[in-house]
Protein backbone atom coordinates (compact mmCIF):
# COMPACT_ATOMS: atom_id res chain seq x y z
CA MET A 1 -10.27 25.37 -3.57
CA ILE A 2 -13.72 25.56 -2.19
CA LYS A 3 -15.60 22.25 -2.32
CA VAL A 4 -19.30 22.41 -3.11
CA ALA A 5 -21.24 19.19 -2.60
CA ILE A 6 -24.76 18.51 -3.91
CA LEU A 7 -26.76 16.09 -1.64
CA GLY A 8 -30.40 14.90 -1.40
CA LYS A 9 -32.72 11.93 -1.83
CA PRO A 10 -32.81 10.14 -5.22
CA ASN A 11 -34.44 11.88 -8.19
CA VAL A 12 -34.53 15.38 -6.87
CA GLY A 13 -32.39 16.89 -9.62
CA LYS A 14 -28.86 16.82 -8.22
CA SER A 15 -27.25 15.69 -11.51
CA SER A 16 -29.30 18.21 -13.45
CA LEU A 17 -28.14 21.02 -11.19
CA PHE A 18 -24.47 19.72 -11.52
CA ASN A 19 -24.76 19.83 -15.26
CA ARG A 20 -26.32 23.40 -15.18
CA ILE A 21 -23.63 24.75 -12.91
CA LEU A 22 -20.97 23.11 -15.20
CA ARG A 23 -22.82 24.43 -18.29
CA GLU A 24 -22.43 21.07 -19.96
CA ARG A 25 -24.04 17.57 -19.94
CA ASP A 26 -21.57 15.65 -17.84
CA ALA A 27 -23.54 13.57 -15.33
CA ILE A 28 -26.12 11.10 -16.70
CA VAL A 29 -29.64 12.30 -15.92
CA SER A 30 -32.52 9.99 -15.86
CA GLU A 31 -35.99 9.77 -14.31
CA ARG A 32 -34.91 6.46 -12.73
CA ALA A 33 -34.07 6.91 -9.09
CA GLY A 34 -30.53 6.01 -8.20
CA THR A 35 -28.94 6.78 -11.56
CA THR A 36 -25.92 8.50 -9.88
CA ARG A 37 -24.05 6.10 -7.63
CA ASP A 38 -20.40 7.20 -7.51
CA ILE A 39 -19.19 10.73 -6.88
CA LYS A 40 -18.78 13.03 -9.81
CA LYS A 41 -16.15 15.63 -9.25
CA ARG A 42 -15.30 18.57 -11.59
CA GLU A 43 -13.39 21.80 -11.20
CA VAL A 44 -15.39 24.78 -12.53
CA SER A 45 -15.01 28.53 -12.79
CA LEU A 46 -18.14 30.55 -11.77
CA ASP A 47 -16.49 33.89 -12.69
CA ASP A 48 -13.33 35.10 -14.41
CA ASP A 49 -12.32 36.99 -11.32
CA LEU A 50 -12.72 34.11 -8.94
CA GLU A 51 -10.72 30.91 -8.19
CA GLU A 52 -12.24 27.65 -9.41
CA ILE A 53 -14.36 25.50 -7.18
CA VAL A 54 -14.59 21.72 -6.86
CA LEU A 55 -18.16 20.72 -7.61
CA LEU A 56 -19.28 17.23 -6.40
CA ASP A 57 -22.44 15.30 -7.42
CA THR A 58 -23.43 12.51 -5.03
CA GLY A 59 -25.74 9.51 -5.11
CA GLY A 60 -29.14 9.63 -3.56
CA LEU A 61 -29.49 9.37 0.23
CA GLU A 62 -31.78 6.30 0.75
CA GLU A 63 -31.77 3.07 2.65
CA ARG A 64 -32.91 0.45 0.10
CA ASP A 65 -30.23 -2.28 -0.04
CA GLU A 66 -26.58 -2.92 0.50
CA LEU A 67 -25.52 -1.09 -2.69
CA PHE A 68 -27.47 2.02 -2.01
CA ASN A 69 -26.43 2.04 1.60
CA LYS A 70 -22.80 2.32 0.20
CA VAL A 71 -24.01 5.09 -2.06
CA LYS A 72 -25.50 7.01 0.97
CA GLU A 73 -22.33 6.48 3.11
CA LYS A 74 -20.17 7.81 0.26
CA ALA A 75 -22.34 10.90 -0.16
CA LEU A 76 -22.15 11.58 3.64
CA GLU A 77 -18.37 11.27 3.62
CA VAL A 78 -18.28 13.84 0.76
CA ALA A 79 -20.42 16.15 2.89
CA LYS A 80 -17.84 16.00 5.71
CA GLU A 81 -15.04 17.14 3.30
CA ALA A 82 -17.08 19.94 1.71
CA ASP A 83 -17.05 23.59 2.50
CA ILE A 84 -20.65 24.16 1.31
CA VAL A 85 -23.52 21.50 1.10
CA LEU A 86 -26.33 22.13 -1.28
CA TYR A 87 -29.10 20.00 0.06
CA MET A 88 -31.71 19.44 -2.70
CA VAL A 89 -35.36 18.52 -2.15
CA ASP A 90 -38.25 18.01 -4.53
CA GLY A 91 -40.69 20.91 -4.25
CA LYS A 92 -43.52 18.91 -5.52
CA THR A 93 -43.46 16.65 -2.37
CA ILE A 94 -43.49 17.43 1.39
CA PRO A 95 -40.65 16.62 3.74
CA ASP A 96 -41.02 13.23 5.52
CA GLU A 97 -39.31 11.95 8.59
CA GLU A 98 -36.48 10.45 6.55
CA GLU A 99 -35.79 13.81 4.85
CA ILE A 100 -35.78 15.58 8.32
CA LYS A 101 -33.43 13.02 9.65
CA TYR A 102 -30.95 13.44 6.79
CA PHE A 103 -30.98 17.14 6.95
CA ARG A 104 -30.56 17.35 10.78
CA ASN A 105 -27.54 14.92 10.57
CA LEU A 106 -25.90 17.21 8.03
CA GLN A 107 -26.57 20.17 10.31
CA LYS A 108 -24.46 18.40 12.91
CA LEU A 109 -21.44 18.54 10.55
CA ASP A 110 -21.28 22.33 11.20
CA LYS A 111 -21.10 23.10 7.54
CA HIS A 112 -22.66 25.94 5.62
CA ILE A 113 -25.92 24.32 4.21
CA ILE A 114 -28.14 25.83 1.59
CA LEU A 115 -31.45 24.18 1.13
CA VAL A 116 -32.27 24.04 -2.52
CA VAL A 117 -36.03 23.42 -3.34
CA ASN A 118 -36.16 22.23 -6.94
CA LYS A 119 -39.00 21.84 -9.43
CA ILE A 120 -40.58 25.22 -8.46
CA ASP A 121 -41.54 25.76 -12.12
CA ASN A 122 -43.85 28.96 -11.65
CA ASP A 123 -44.99 31.42 -9.07
CA LYS A 124 -48.02 29.48 -8.05
CA MET A 125 -45.62 26.71 -6.80
CA MET A 126 -43.75 29.16 -4.55
CA GLU A 127 -46.10 28.45 -1.63
CA LYS A 128 -44.92 24.82 -1.56
CA VAL A 129 -41.46 26.18 -0.39
CA TYR A 130 -42.94 26.97 2.96
CA ASP A 131 -43.43 23.38 3.69
CA PHE A 132 -39.70 22.99 3.90
CA TYR A 133 -39.10 25.60 6.54
CA GLU A 134 -39.62 22.86 9.17
CA LEU A 135 -36.22 21.46 8.22
CA GLY A 136 -34.68 24.43 10.05
CA ALA A 137 -32.55 25.74 7.17
CA ASP A 138 -30.84 29.16 7.55
CA GLU A 139 -31.02 29.68 3.78
CA ILE A 140 -33.51 28.44 1.22
CA TYR A 141 -33.35 28.91 -2.61
CA PRO A 142 -36.37 27.86 -4.63
CA ILE A 143 -35.27 26.87 -8.17
CA SER A 144 -36.27 24.97 -11.27
CA VAL A 145 -33.32 23.50 -12.99
CA ALA A 146 -35.46 22.31 -15.86
CA HIS A 147 -36.64 25.92 -16.59
CA ASN A 148 -33.39 27.57 -15.40
CA ARG A 149 -35.45 29.54 -12.88
CA GLY A 150 -33.55 30.78 -9.80
CA VAL A 151 -30.41 28.92 -10.54
CA GLY A 152 -28.55 32.19 -11.29
CA LYS A 153 -29.41 33.63 -7.82
CA LEU A 154 -28.08 30.33 -6.23
CA ILE A 155 -24.81 30.50 -8.25
CA GLU A 156 -24.40 34.13 -7.10
CA ARG A 157 -24.83 33.06 -3.52
CA ILE A 158 -22.09 30.39 -3.99
CA LYS A 159 -19.74 32.97 -5.47
CA ALA A 160 -19.85 34.90 -2.17
CA PHE A 161 -17.82 31.98 -0.59
CA VAL A 162 -15.22 31.77 -3.44
CA PRO A 163 -11.88 33.62 -2.98
CA LYS A 164 -10.87 36.13 -5.72
CA LYS A 165 -7.96 35.27 -7.96
CA PRO A 166 -4.61 36.82 -6.66
CA LYS A 167 -4.13 40.12 -8.26
CA THR A 168 -1.19 40.19 -10.87
CA PHE A 169 1.09 43.23 -10.86
CA GLU A 170 3.29 44.63 -13.49
CA VAL A 171 7.08 44.35 -12.79
CA SER A 172 7.32 48.07 -12.87
CA GLU A 173 5.31 48.41 -9.69
CA PHE A 174 7.74 46.80 -7.49
CA GLU A 175 11.00 46.36 -9.53
CA GLN A 176 12.79 49.00 -7.35
CA GLU A 177 12.09 46.82 -4.25
CA ILE A 178 13.15 43.42 -5.66
CA PRO A 179 16.59 42.90 -7.30
CA LEU A 180 16.37 42.05 -10.96
CA GLU A 181 18.27 38.83 -10.54
CA ASP A 182 15.68 37.64 -8.10
CA LEU A 183 12.81 38.29 -10.59
CA LEU A 184 14.72 36.37 -13.26
CA PHE A 185 15.29 33.49 -10.95
CA GLU A 186 11.60 33.27 -10.03
CA GLU A 187 10.53 33.43 -13.73
CA ASN A 188 12.99 30.65 -14.74
CA GLU A 189 11.76 28.46 -11.84
CA GLU A 190 8.11 28.96 -12.92
CA ASN A 191 9.03 28.04 -16.54
CA GLU A 192 10.81 24.87 -15.22
CA ASN A 193 7.66 23.89 -13.40
CA LEU A 194 5.59 24.41 -16.53
CA GLU A 195 7.93 22.14 -18.46
CA GLU A 196 7.65 19.38 -15.78
CA LEU A 197 3.82 19.27 -16.07
CA LYS A 198 3.24 15.89 -17.62
CA GLU A 199 -0.24 14.59 -17.97
CA ILE A 200 -1.70 11.02 -18.89
CA LYS A 201 -5.33 10.21 -19.26
CA VAL A 202 -6.13 6.54 -18.61
CA ALA A 203 -9.58 4.94 -19.29
CA ILE A 204 -10.25 1.78 -17.24
CA VAL A 205 -12.58 -0.35 -19.48
CA GLY A 206 -14.14 -3.89 -19.37
CA ARG A 207 -17.38 -5.82 -18.93
CA VAL A 208 -19.46 -5.65 -15.79
CA ASN A 209 -18.23 -6.89 -12.46
CA VAL A 210 -14.54 -7.56 -13.64
CA GLY A 211 -13.17 -5.34 -10.69
CA LYS A 212 -12.70 -1.90 -12.52
CA SER A 213 -13.86 0.19 -9.60
CA SER A 214 -11.77 -1.99 -7.21
CA LEU A 215 -8.77 -1.37 -9.43
CA LEU A 216 -9.38 2.38 -9.55
CA ASN A 217 -9.41 2.42 -5.71
CA ALA A 218 -6.22 0.46 -5.56
CA LEU A 219 -4.43 2.76 -8.04
CA VAL A 220 -5.43 5.97 -6.23
CA GLY A 221 -5.05 4.43 -2.79
CA GLU A 222 -8.49 5.36 -1.46
CA GLU A 223 -12.17 4.16 -1.71
CA ARG A 224 -12.95 6.49 -4.62
CA ALA A 225 -15.38 4.34 -6.39
CA ILE A 226 -18.19 2.31 -4.86
CA VAL A 227 -17.58 -1.33 -5.13
CA SER A 228 -20.30 -3.89 -5.15
CA ASP A 229 -21.18 -7.35 -6.43
CA VAL A 230 -24.28 -5.87 -8.14
CA ASP A 231 -23.71 -5.65 -11.94
CA GLY A 232 -23.67 -2.25 -13.40
CA THR A 233 -22.86 -0.43 -10.08
CA THR A 234 -20.83 2.26 -11.98
CA ILE A 235 -22.98 4.26 -14.46
CA ASP A 236 -21.26 7.61 -14.81
CA PRO A 237 -17.58 7.64 -15.66
CA ILE A 238 -15.75 8.85 -12.57
CA ASP A 239 -12.14 10.18 -12.49
CA GLU A 240 -9.43 10.64 -9.99
CA SER A 241 -5.73 11.67 -10.39
CA ILE A 242 -2.56 10.67 -8.77
CA TYR A 243 1.10 11.91 -8.99
CA HIS A 244 3.48 9.17 -9.81
CA ASP A 245 7.18 9.38 -10.85
CA GLY A 246 6.89 12.94 -11.97
CA TRP A 247 3.57 12.38 -13.85
CA ASN A 248 0.10 13.39 -13.16
CA ILE A 249 -2.10 10.34 -14.15
CA THR A 250 -5.92 10.78 -14.35
CA PHE A 251 -7.85 7.59 -14.22
CA VAL A 252 -11.41 7.30 -15.37
CA ASP A 253 -13.41 4.36 -14.31
CA THR A 254 -16.21 3.61 -16.91
CA ALA A 255 -19.47 1.72 -16.65
CA GLY A 256 -19.09 -1.99 -17.24
CA ILE A 257 -20.19 -3.10 -20.74
CA ARG A 258 -22.76 -5.81 -21.44
CA ARG A 259 -23.76 -7.64 -24.59
CA ARG A 260 -26.05 -5.31 -26.57
CA SER A 261 -29.10 -7.49 -26.10
CA LYS A 262 -28.70 -7.07 -22.29
CA ILE A 263 -28.01 -3.34 -22.18
CA LYS A 264 -30.79 -1.69 -20.04
CA ASP A 265 -32.17 1.84 -20.24
CA ILE A 266 -29.57 4.13 -18.68
CA GLU A 267 -26.80 1.77 -19.43
CA LYS A 268 -27.12 2.78 -23.07
CA TYR A 269 -26.00 6.25 -22.02
CA ALA A 270 -23.19 4.67 -20.00
CA LEU A 271 -21.88 2.79 -23.11
CA LEU A 272 -21.91 6.07 -25.09
CA ARG A 273 -19.96 7.74 -22.25
CA THR A 274 -17.45 4.95 -22.32
CA GLU A 275 -16.84 5.60 -25.99
CA LYS A 276 -16.56 9.18 -25.26
CA VAL A 277 -13.88 8.52 -22.46
CA LEU A 278 -11.91 6.37 -24.96
CA GLU A 279 -11.94 9.31 -27.45
CA ASN A 280 -10.29 11.52 -24.93
CA ALA A 281 -7.94 9.02 -23.20
CA ASP A 282 -4.34 8.32 -24.09
CA ILE A 283 -4.14 4.90 -22.55
CA ALA A 284 -6.88 2.24 -22.06
CA ILE A 285 -6.55 -0.44 -19.40
CA LEU A 286 -8.60 -3.36 -20.62
CA VAL A 287 -9.63 -5.30 -17.47
CA VAL A 288 -10.46 -9.04 -17.68
CA ASP A 289 -11.47 -11.49 -15.02
CA ALA A 290 -8.72 -13.83 -14.11
CA ASN A 291 -11.16 -16.34 -12.68
CA GLU A 292 -13.60 -16.38 -15.66
CA GLY A 293 -11.10 -16.14 -18.40
CA VAL A 294 -11.56 -14.21 -21.75
CA VAL A 295 -15.04 -14.25 -23.23
CA GLU A 296 -16.40 -13.00 -26.54
CA LEU A 297 -17.48 -9.65 -25.09
CA ASP A 298 -14.00 -8.94 -23.78
CA GLU A 299 -12.78 -9.19 -27.42
CA LYS A 300 -15.51 -6.81 -28.58
CA ILE A 301 -14.46 -4.26 -25.85
CA GLY A 302 -10.85 -4.66 -27.05
CA GLY A 303 -12.18 -3.86 -30.59
CA LEU A 304 -13.39 -0.42 -29.27
CA ILE A 305 -9.89 0.27 -28.02
CA ASP A 306 -8.58 -0.74 -31.44
CA LYS A 307 -11.15 1.58 -33.05
CA HIS A 308 -10.07 4.64 -31.06
CA LYS A 309 -6.28 3.81 -31.43
CA ASN A 310 -5.47 4.19 -27.81
CA GLY A 311 -2.26 2.96 -26.11
CA VAL A 312 -3.26 -0.23 -24.27
CA ILE A 313 -2.36 -2.42 -21.47
CA ILE A 314 -4.32 -5.72 -20.72
CA VAL A 315 -4.86 -6.56 -17.06
CA ALA A 316 -6.15 -9.67 -15.48
CA ASN A 317 -7.72 -8.77 -12.16
CA LYS A 318 -8.41 -11.09 -9.13
CA TRP A 319 -5.22 -13.00 -9.91
CA ASP A 320 -4.00 -15.53 -7.27
CA GLU A 321 -2.65 -18.40 -9.46
CA ASN A 322 0.96 -19.71 -9.82
CA SER A 323 3.50 -18.85 -12.56
CA GLU A 324 2.64 -22.04 -14.57
CA GLU A 325 -1.02 -20.84 -14.88
CA PHE A 326 0.20 -17.36 -15.76
CA HIS A 327 2.03 -18.45 -18.86
CA LYS A 328 -1.19 -20.47 -19.87
CA PHE A 329 -3.36 -17.48 -19.35
CA ARG A 330 -1.07 -15.08 -21.15
CA ASP A 331 -1.06 -17.33 -24.24
CA GLU A 332 -4.85 -17.32 -24.16
CA ILE A 333 -4.81 -13.43 -23.86
CA TYR A 334 -2.62 -13.03 -27.00
CA TYR A 335 -4.55 -15.64 -28.92
CA ARG A 336 -7.87 -13.90 -28.33
CA PHE A 337 -6.61 -10.35 -28.60
CA LYS A 338 -4.54 -10.82 -31.87
CA TYR A 339 -5.25 -7.26 -32.97
CA LEU A 340 -3.72 -5.95 -29.68
CA TYR A 341 -0.65 -8.13 -29.85
CA PHE A 342 1.51 -5.09 -29.01
CA ALA A 343 -0.21 -4.49 -25.52
CA PRO A 344 1.73 -5.56 -22.34
CA PHE A 345 -0.04 -7.94 -20.17
CA LEU A 346 -0.15 -7.90 -16.38
CA VAL A 347 -1.79 -9.82 -13.67
CA VAL A 348 -2.92 -7.86 -10.72
CA SER A 349 -5.02 -8.11 -7.49
CA ALA A 350 -6.85 -4.89 -6.70
CA LYS A 351 -7.75 -6.62 -3.33
CA THR A 352 -4.14 -7.48 -2.20
CA GLY A 353 -2.38 -4.70 -4.16
CA ARG A 354 -0.38 -7.22 -6.21
CA ASN A 355 1.47 -5.44 -9.15
CA ILE A 356 -0.37 -2.22 -8.66
CA ASP A 357 2.80 -0.12 -8.53
CA LYS A 358 4.07 -2.07 -11.54
CA LEU A 359 0.88 -1.14 -13.47
CA LYS A 360 1.61 2.52 -12.68
CA ASP A 361 5.12 2.26 -14.09
CA GLU A 362 3.78 0.38 -17.21
CA ILE A 363 1.29 3.31 -17.88
CA ILE A 364 4.19 5.75 -18.02
CA LYS A 365 6.19 3.59 -20.21
CA VAL A 366 3.34 2.92 -22.75
CA TYR A 367 2.54 6.69 -22.79
CA LYS A 368 6.13 7.50 -23.71
CA ASN A 369 6.00 5.06 -26.62
CA TYR A 370 2.47 6.34 -27.48
CA SER A 371 3.81 9.94 -27.75
CA LYS A 372 7.12 8.99 -29.35
CA ARG A 373 8.53 10.79 -32.28
CA ILE A 374 11.11 9.29 -34.69
CA PRO A 375 13.50 11.63 -36.53
CA THR A 376 12.83 11.82 -40.23
CA SER A 377 16.36 10.85 -41.16
CA THR A 378 16.21 7.75 -38.84
CA LEU A 379 12.76 6.88 -40.17
CA ASN A 380 13.73 6.84 -43.80
CA LYS A 381 16.89 4.86 -43.08
CA TRP A 382 14.68 2.19 -41.52
CA ILE A 383 12.00 2.25 -44.27
CA GLU A 384 14.89 1.95 -46.91
CA GLU A 385 16.27 -1.02 -45.01
CA ALA A 386 12.80 -2.62 -44.86
CA THR A 387 12.13 -2.30 -48.56
CA GLN A 388 15.53 -3.62 -49.45
CA ARG A 389 14.87 -6.71 -47.38
CA HIS A 390 11.34 -7.25 -48.88
CA ARG A 391 10.37 -5.41 -52.08
CA ILE A 392 6.97 -3.78 -52.22
CA PRO A 393 4.41 -5.83 -54.06
CA THR A 394 3.28 -4.45 -57.41
CA ASP A 395 -0.29 -3.03 -57.65
CA ILE A 396 -3.21 -4.89 -59.31
CA GLY A 397 -2.13 -3.77 -62.76
CA GLY A 398 1.37 -5.13 -62.17
CA LYS A 399 2.90 -1.61 -61.88
CA GLU A 400 5.83 -0.87 -59.55
CA VAL A 401 4.99 0.77 -56.30
CA LYS A 402 7.65 2.99 -54.69
CA ILE A 403 8.11 4.78 -51.33
CA PHE A 404 9.93 8.04 -52.01
CA PHE A 405 10.32 9.01 -48.29
CA ALA A 406 8.56 8.78 -44.94
CA THR A 407 7.72 11.39 -42.27
CA GLN A 408 5.96 11.15 -38.94
CA PHE A 409 3.46 13.87 -38.83
CA LYS A 410 1.59 12.94 -35.63
CA THR A 411 1.96 11.31 -32.27
CA LYS A 412 -0.49 9.72 -29.86
CA PRO A 413 -0.37 7.31 -31.57
CA PRO A 414 2.66 7.47 -33.93
CA THR A 415 1.40 8.29 -37.33
CA ILE A 416 3.68 8.13 -40.43
CA ALA A 417 3.07 9.40 -43.90
CA LEU A 418 4.52 7.25 -46.68
CA VAL A 419 5.02 9.44 -49.74
CA MET A 420 4.55 7.23 -52.67
CA ASN A 421 3.86 7.07 -56.47
CA ARG A 422 0.67 5.15 -55.71
CA THR A 423 -1.52 5.45 -52.63
CA LYS A 424 -2.53 1.87 -52.30
CA LEU A 425 -0.20 -0.29 -50.20
CA HIS A 426 -1.23 -3.92 -49.39
CA PHE A 427 -2.21 -4.45 -45.74
CA SER A 428 0.20 -7.26 -45.29
CA TYR A 429 3.08 -4.98 -46.29
CA LYS A 430 1.84 -2.32 -43.97
CA ARG A 431 1.89 -4.96 -41.18
CA TYR A 432 5.42 -5.92 -42.22
CA LEU A 433 6.56 -2.24 -42.04
CA VAL A 434 4.93 -1.96 -38.53
CA ASN A 435 6.63 -5.03 -37.32
CA PHE A 436 9.94 -3.96 -38.71
CA LEU A 437 9.83 -0.65 -36.86
CA ARG A 438 8.97 -2.52 -33.69
CA GLN A 439 12.24 -4.43 -34.05
CA LYS A 440 14.11 -1.16 -34.46
CA GLU A 441 12.42 0.81 -31.58
CA ASP A 442 10.34 0.12 -28.47
CA PHE A 443 6.74 0.74 -29.32
CA THR A 444 5.25 -1.52 -26.66
CA GLY A 445 1.63 -0.71 -25.90
CA THR A 446 1.03 1.66 -28.83
CA PRO A 447 -0.47 1.18 -32.38
CA ILE A 448 1.63 2.47 -35.22
CA ILE A 449 -0.34 4.01 -38.22
CA PHE A 450 1.04 4.20 -41.77
CA VAL A 451 -0.77 6.68 -44.20
CA PRO A 452 0.17 6.27 -47.92
CA ARG A 453 0.10 9.56 -49.78
CA LYS A 454 1.02 10.76 -53.37
CA LYS A 455 3.81 13.21 -53.70
CA GLY A 456 2.56 16.75 -53.18
CA GLU A 457 -0.77 15.62 -51.71
CA LYS A 458 -1.86 17.42 -48.51
CA GLU A 459 -3.74 15.91 -45.48
């Protein structure tokens, strides 16, 4: 796929253009310079007849401190890998020496560079474009992302570089040249590949500076996310996929969460994005700092996972202690995260790679449990056995409560309807049924939900 990277100094509108081309609000946009720090990568179709492109939004090019130097270096690395570079400038300014230096360095990469002059909101401002000719660009496109002015022309220019989708033919056009058995073999092979397509979405969550970005880099085997000691380095959720043991696993590194009283300006958007990521994720990896132990905020973040009913793995990063300390720390984890008692617990070191492969295997195991379906006959056999061992408590009025039958009507997580004469079932008995099922079947890492319903009642 053609890779299109958007580069430029901070606050020139790169993320706004990224969102405009995607036709959705994906990257966080703010008037504060340096909002984008990591690389945002999305596949997007510009036209039904064309192949998709990979669109990359980068952090601003500037030399401010150690963190922003890393942001700049990451952006320049992306430019080296891209096929097309959209270099954005602010049309309300004039190019300075730093701007000229960045653009000339990009020209040395021998890439196709399009100079995009943003914030040209009306015809009167068009004369400002001439100031940027001194950069030596072969192509200049004046636009206004805010007013959607000139963006269509820019997209049309990008389309010229994108290959068309392969033309599909009816079998009748070449069936005389290719034996029928060969066609059937190819079709079956394609169907088998479709059946093997297995996807898992994993959200990496935790408070600030526990090592989430370092863990993402260790899992994907490359420096995908910017790592810094500065709190709140990651703002936008960034994602990367790997192929492991027959599964395509997409990891999303989310912004670190602070206590509400300490959440600043754009971090509020980051918190909302983290919740959105959890809504769409299958598995959540809750990262805690092995050196600092579990704090109250870790428990609250665990509560977000419980709210969204994700499969979950608890990971202690930065681990370099002995086995005796491990048992002590594990006991603390399960004491503090009582509501996530079903979650497996792993100690890892993103720095040394300790247990990283084991974590990948655990993700697949938890996902299989998260998407597990129990046959109705087996389920009813277990429920009957459970109710015989411990009778269902009567309701408030002392009336008998009965379960007529059970059926699992949903996976991810396993959700079971209990068809009853009364729809109120005491929470302690629900918990008993959940634990009984866990004794019968491996549901490590996944919640189990029981939904009481009256006979004949629809969802």
